[in-house]
């Protein structure tokens, strides 16, 4: 069994592929706590590690007032405006399919809808929460390390650092 410990934190819930992952089509309230900070990993249908992110990072707010759910709800919506994850999904997965098919008719909100459909049909996430006053610095530090590659996984495809 692989040891998924980094900086004294057991990250099995983020990397152990035998543990549950969650569909973006699921209700975020079922899988993401209502307060604190989270770190999450995103996986494609082939269990390829494509993204690592954090949420609930409003460091000026007390831990009970940090809302990690809003980031996951934003990702799930497929809306590109203000959401780098959705922009990456569109750039790397949605647009290539459109170019390949050669068929596209511009409509308001259509690309966001295609992005949402792609996310809901092809991606899952794993999440770990921290509910301490220092949770923002913990998740930021872990995210930066994971972006360079962690355990037997290479850096995440979309936002990894070499």
C-alpha atoms as a PDB file:
ATOM      1  CA  UNK A   1       0.000   0.000   0.000  1.00  0.00           C
ATOM      2  CA  UNK A   2       1.352   3.409  -0.976  1.00  0.00           C
ATOM      3  CA  UNK A   3       2.060   5.979   1.702  1.00  0.00           C
ATOM      4  CA  UNK A   4       0.336   9.203   0.642  1.00  0.00           C
ATOM      5  CA  UNK A   5       1.771  11.366   3.443  1.00  0.00           C
ATOM      6  CA  UNK A   6       3.086  14.836   2.617  1.00  0.00           C
ATOM      7  CA  UNK A   7       4.195  17.319   5.280  1.00  0.00           C
ATOM      8  CA  UNK A   8       2.609  15.100   7.928  1.00  0.00           C
ATOM      9  CA  UNK A   9      -0.807  15.048   6.204  1.00  0.00           C
ATOM     10  CA  UNK A  10      -2.307  11.781   4.971  1.00  0.00           C
ATOM     11  CA  UNK A  11      -3.501  12.627   1.457  1.00  0.00           C
ATOM     12  CA  UNK A  12      -4.952   9.201   0.688  1.00  0.00           C
ATOM     13  CA  UNK A  13      -8.377  10.724   0.087  1.00  0.00           C
ATOM     14  CA  UNK A  14      -6.830  12.744  -2.774  1.00  0.00           C
ATOM     15  CA  UNK A  15      -4.687  10.060  -4.421  1.00  0.00           C
ATOM     16  CA  UNK A  16      -5.757   6.534  -3.465  1.00  0.00           C
ATOM     17  CA  UNK A  17      -7.689   5.408  -6.534  1.00  0.00           C
ATOM     18  CA  UNK A  18      -9.383   2.691  -4.467  1.00  0.00           C
ATOM     19  CA  UNK A  19     -11.144   5.330  -2.367  1.00  0.00           C
ATOM     20  CA  UNK A  20     -14.305   7.100  -3.560  1.00  0.00           C
ATOM     21  CA  UNK A  21     -14.268  10.034  -5.941  1.00  0.00           C
ATOM     22  CA  UNK A  22     -17.187  12.330  -6.644  1.00  0.00           C
ATOM     23  CA  UNK A  23     -18.951  13.336  -9.839  1.00  0.00           C
ATOM     24  CA  UNK A  24     -19.230  17.037 -10.588  1.00  0.00           C
ATOM     25  CA  UNK A  25     -22.912  16.379 -11.292  1.00  0.00           C
ATOM     26  CA  UNK A  26     -23.409  15.388  -7.626  1.00  0.00           C
ATOM     27  CA  UNK A  27     -24.658  17.913  -5.094  1.00  0.00           C
ATOM     28  CA  UNK A  28     -21.520  19.599  -3.736  1.00  0.00           C
ATOM     29  CA  UNK A  29     -23.126  19.760  -0.279  1.00  0.00           C
ATOM     30  CA  UNK A  30     -22.858  15.965  -0.034  1.00  0.00           C
ATOM     31  CA  UNK A  31     -19.082  15.900  -0.539  1.00  0.00           C
ATOM     32  CA  UNK A  32     -17.594  19.272   0.430  1.00  0.00           C
ATOM     33  CA  UNK A  33     -17.797  20.711   3.947  1.00  0.00           C
ATOM     34  CA  UNK A  34     -19.624  23.982   4.537  1.00  0.00           C
ATOM     35  CA  UNK A  35     -16.605  25.738   6.026  1.00  0.00           C
ATOM     36  CA  UNK A  36     -12.834  25.642   6.197  1.00  0.00           C
ATOM     37  CA  UNK A  37     -10.317  25.165   3.404  1.00  0.00           C
ATOM     38  CA  UNK A  38     -10.054  22.272   0.981  1.00  0.00           C
ATOM     39  CA  UNK A  39      -7.572  20.825  -1.422  1.00  0.00           C
ATOM     40  CA  UNK A  40      -8.936  18.723  -4.248  1.00  0.00           C
ATOM     41  CA  UNK A  41      -7.671  16.653  -7.146  1.00  0.00           C
ATOM     42  CA  UNK A  42      -9.493  16.136 -10.446  1.00  0.00           C
ATOM     43  CA  UNK A  43      -9.316  12.910 -12.445  1.00  0.00           C
ATOM     44  CA  UNK A  44     -10.508  11.940 -15.895  1.00  0.00           C
ATOM     45  CA  UNK A  45     -12.404   8.765 -16.768  1.00  0.00           C
ATOM     46  CA  UNK A  46      -9.080   6.906 -17.187  1.00  0.00           C
ATOM     47  CA  UNK A  47      -7.939   7.911 -13.671  1.00  0.00           C
ATOM     48  CA  UNK A  48      -5.422  10.366 -15.097  1.00  0.00           C
ATOM     49  CA  UNK A  49      -4.556  13.159 -12.676  1.00  0.00           C
ATOM     50  CA  UNK A  50      -5.399  16.397 -14.484  1.00  0.00           C
ATOM     51  CA  UNK A  51      -5.794  19.179 -11.892  1.00  0.00           C
ATOM     52  CA  UNK A  52      -5.164  20.162  -8.300  1.00  0.00           C
ATOM     53  CA  UNK A  53      -6.911  23.098  -6.670  1.00  0.00           C
ATOM     54  CA  UNK A  54      -7.795  24.711  -3.380  1.00  0.00           C
ATOM     55  CA  UNK A  55     -10.832  26.551  -2.038  1.00  0.00           C
ATOM     56  CA  UNK A  56     -11.929  28.280   1.123  1.00  0.00           C
ATOM     57  CA  UNK A  57      -8.840  30.444   1.038  1.00  0.00           C
ATOM     58  CA  UNK A  58     -10.295  33.709   2.297  1.00  0.00           C
ATOM     59  CA  UNK A  59      -7.484  34.133   4.838  1.00  0.00           C
ATOM     60  CA  UNK A  60      -8.968  37.293   6.348  1.00  0.00           C
ATOM     61  CA  UNK A  61     -12.103  35.406   7.410  1.00  0.00           C
ATOM     62  CA  UNK A  62     -12.368  33.128  10.444  1.00  0.00           C
ATOM     63  CA  UNK A  63     -12.295  29.445   9.474  1.00  0.00           C
ATOM     64  CA  UNK A  64     -16.062  29.081  10.135  1.00  0.00           C
ATOM     65  CA  UNK A  65     -16.757  31.780   7.494  1.00  0.00           C
ATOM     66  CA  UNK A  66     -14.635  30.319   4.695  1.00  0.00           C
ATOM     67  CA  UNK A  67     -16.773  28.755   1.961  1.00  0.00           C
ATOM     68  CA  UNK A  68     -15.036  25.968   0.020  1.00  0.00           C
ATOM     69  CA  UNK A  69     -18.229  24.903  -1.755  1.00  0.00           C
ATOM     70  CA  UNK A  70     -18.463  27.943  -4.017  1.00  0.00           C
ATOM     71  CA  UNK A  71     -15.342  26.948  -5.976  1.00  0.00           C
ATOM     72  CA  UNK A  72     -16.629  23.443  -6.625  1.00  0.00           C
ATOM     73  CA  UNK A  73     -20.047  24.784  -7.626  1.00  0.00           C
ATOM     74  CA  UNK A  74     -18.320  27.145 -10.057  1.00  0.00           C
ATOM     75  CA  UNK A  75     -16.335  24.290 -11.612  1.00  0.00           C
ATOM     76  CA  UNK A  76     -19.476  22.187 -11.882  1.00  0.00           C
ATOM     77  CA  UNK A  77     -21.343  24.973 -13.692  1.00  0.00           C
ATOM     78  CA  UNK A  78     -18.989  24.943 -16.689  1.00  0.00           C
ATOM     79  CA  UNK A  79     -19.039  28.745 -16.806  1.00  0.00           C
ATOM     80  CA  UNK A  80     -15.691  30.005 -18.035  1.00  0.00           C
ATOM     81  CA  UNK A  81     -15.948  33.553 -16.714  1.00  0.00           C
ATOM     82  CA  UNK A  82     -13.688  33.810 -13.680  1.00  0.00           C
ATOM     83  CA  UNK A  83     -13.007  30.073 -13.479  1.00  0.00           C
ATOM     84  CA  UNK A  84      -9.553  29.015 -14.686  1.00  0.00           C
ATOM     85  CA  UNK A  85     -10.440  25.326 -14.349  1.00  0.00           C
ATOM     86  CA  UNK A  86     -13.358  25.699 -16.786  1.00  0.00           C
ATOM     87  CA  UNK A  87     -11.153  27.669 -19.172  1.00  0.00           C
ATOM     88  CA  UNK A  88      -8.598  24.829 -19.146  1.00  0.00           C
ATOM     89  CA  UNK A  89     -11.325  22.232 -19.737  1.00  0.00           C
ATOM     90  CA  UNK A  90     -12.644  24.185 -22.682  1.00  0.00           C
ATOM     91  CA  UNK A  91      -9.180  24.847 -24.160  1.00  0.00           C
ATOM     92  CA  UNK A  92      -7.853  21.301 -23.833  1.00  0.00           C
ATOM     93  CA  UNK A  93     -10.940  19.122 -24.243  1.00  0.00           C
ATOM     94  CA  UNK A  94     -14.025  20.929 -25.570  1.00  0.00           C
ATOM     95  CA  UNK A  95     -12.557  23.080 -28.336  1.00  0.00           C
ATOM     96  CA  UNK A  96     -10.455  20.267 -29.837  1.00  0.00           C
ATOM     97  CA  UNK A  97     -13.647  18.193 -30.213  1.00  0.00           C
ATOM     98  CA  UNK A  98     -15.376  21.089 -31.931  1.00  0.00           C
ATOM     99  CA  UNK A  99     -12.426  21.601 -34.294  1.00  0.00           C
ATOM    100  CA  UNK A 100     -12.286  17.889 -35.026  1.00  0.00           C
ATOM    101  CA  UNK A 101     -15.978  17.719 -35.880  1.00  0.00           C
ATOM    102  CA  UNK A 102     -15.831  20.903 -37.938  1.00  0.00           C
ATOM    103  CA  UNK A 103     -19.302  21.771 -36.696  1.00  0.00           C
ATOM    104  CA  UNK A 104     -20.010  24.818 -34.596  1.00  0.00           C
ATOM    105  CA  UNK A 105     -22.803  27.308 -34.609  1.00  0.00           C
ATOM    106  CA  UNK A 106     -22.332  30.190 -32.177  1.00  0.00           C
ATOM    107  CA  UNK A 107     -25.067  30.527 -29.573  1.00  0.00           C
ATOM    108  CA  UNK A 108     -25.076  32.447 -26.317  1.00  0.00           C
ATOM    109  CA  UNK A 109     -23.912  30.148 -23.513  1.00  0.00           C
ATOM    110  CA  UNK A 110     -23.281  27.202 -25.830  1.00  0.00           C
ATOM    111  CA  UNK A 111     -19.571  26.798 -25.038  1.00  0.00           C
ATOM    112  CA  UNK A 112     -20.316  26.978 -21.318  1.00  0.00           C
ATOM    113  CA  UNK A 113     -22.955  24.266 -21.785  1.00  0.00           C
ATOM    114  CA  UNK A 114     -20.505  22.036 -23.677  1.00  0.00           C
ATOM    115  CA  UNK A 115     -17.905  22.631 -20.963  1.00  0.00           C
ATOM    116  CA  UNK A 116     -20.400  21.686 -18.238  1.00  0.00           C
ATOM    117  CA  UNK A 117     -21.390  18.545 -20.124  1.00  0.00           C
ATOM    118  CA  UNK A 118     -17.759  17.539 -20.540  1.00  0.00           C
ATOM    119  CA  UNK A 119     -17.030  18.086 -16.840  1.00  0.00           C
ATOM    120  CA  UNK A 120     -20.126  16.158 -15.732  1.00  0.00           C
ATOM    121  CA  UNK A 121     -19.588  13.256 -18.123  1.00  0.00           C
ATOM    122  CA  UNK A 122     -15.812  12.813 -17.903  1.00  0.00           C
ATOM    123  CA  UNK A 123     -14.366  14.174 -14.670  1.00  0.00           C
ATOM    124  CA  UNK A 124     -14.461  13.296 -10.975  1.00  0.00           C
ATOM    125  CA  UNK A 125     -12.837  14.862  -7.943  1.00  0.00           C
ATOM    126  CA  UNK A 126     -11.405  13.867  -4.595  1.00  0.00           C
ATOM    127  CA  UNK A 127     -11.340  16.287  -1.692  1.00  0.00           C
ATOM    128  CA  UNK A 128      -9.710  16.780   1.696  1.00  0.00           C
ATOM    129  CA  UNK A 129     -10.676  19.468   4.177  1.00  0.00           C
ATOM    130  CA  UNK A 130      -8.820  21.409   6.842  1.00  0.00           C
ATOM    131  CA  UNK A 131     -10.833  23.287   9.437  1.00  0.00           C
ATOM    132  CA  UNK A 132      -8.175  25.084  11.428  1.00  0.00           C
ATOM    133  CA  UNK A 133      -7.180  28.749  11.458  1.00  0.00           C
ATOM    134  CA  UNK A 134      -3.977  27.893   9.549  1.00  0.00           C
ATOM    135  CA  UNK A 135      -5.860  25.884   6.895  1.00  0.00           C
ATOM    136  CA  UNK A 136      -5.217  28.426   4.119  1.00  0.00           C
ATOM    137  CA  UNK A 137      -1.441  28.138   4.435  1.00  0.00           C
ATOM    138  CA  UNK A 138      -1.686  24.346   4.687  1.00  0.00           C
ATOM    139  CA  UNK A 139      -3.682  23.916   1.465  1.00  0.00           C
ATOM    140  CA  UNK A 140      -1.597  26.491  -0.445  1.00  0.00           C
ATOM    141  CA  UNK A 141       1.630  24.738   0.526  1.00  0.00           C
ATOM    142  CA  UNK A 142       0.279  21.283  -0.344  1.00  0.00           C
ATOM    143  CA  UNK A 143      -1.093  22.512  -3.678  1.00  0.00           C
ATOM    144  CA  UNK A 144       2.265  24.008  -4.672  1.00  0.00           C
ATOM    145  CA  UNK A 145       4.063  20.761  -3.872  1.00  0.00           C
ATOM    146  CA  UNK A 146       1.490  18.565  -5.626  1.00  0.00           C
ATOM    147  CA  UNK A 147       1.677  20.731  -8.774  1.00  0.00           C
ATOM    148  CA  UNK A 148       5.252  19.491  -9.146  1.00  0.00           C
ATOM    149  CA  UNK A 149       4.164  15.856  -8.931  1.00  0.00           C
ATOM    150  CA  UNK A 150       3.345  13.754  -5.907  1.00  0.00           C
ATOM    151  CA  UNK A 151       3.811  10.119  -5.027  1.00  0.00           C
ATOM    152  CA  UNK A 152       3.753   8.027  -8.215  1.00  0.00           C
ATOM    153  CA  UNK A 153       1.724  10.655 -10.089  1.00  0.00           C
ATOM    154  CA  UNK A 154       3.274  13.180 -12.469  1.00  0.00           C
ATOM    155  CA  UNK A 155       2.318  16.851 -12.192  1.00  0.00           C
ATOM    156  CA  UNK A 156      -1.355  17.400 -13.031  1.00  0.00           C
ATOM    157  CA  UNK A 157      -1.930  17.706 -16.776  1.00  0.00           C
ATOM    158  CA  UNK A 158      -3.700  21.081 -16.714  1.00  0.00           C
ATOM    159  CA  UNK A 159      -1.949  23.060 -14.001  1.00  0.00           C
ATOM    160  CA  UNK A 160       1.187  21.148 -13.119  1.00  0.00           C
ATOM    161  CA  UNK A 161       4.608  22.714 -12.782  1.00  0.00           C
ATOM    162  CA  UNK A 162       7.688  21.068 -14.223  1.00  0.00           C
END
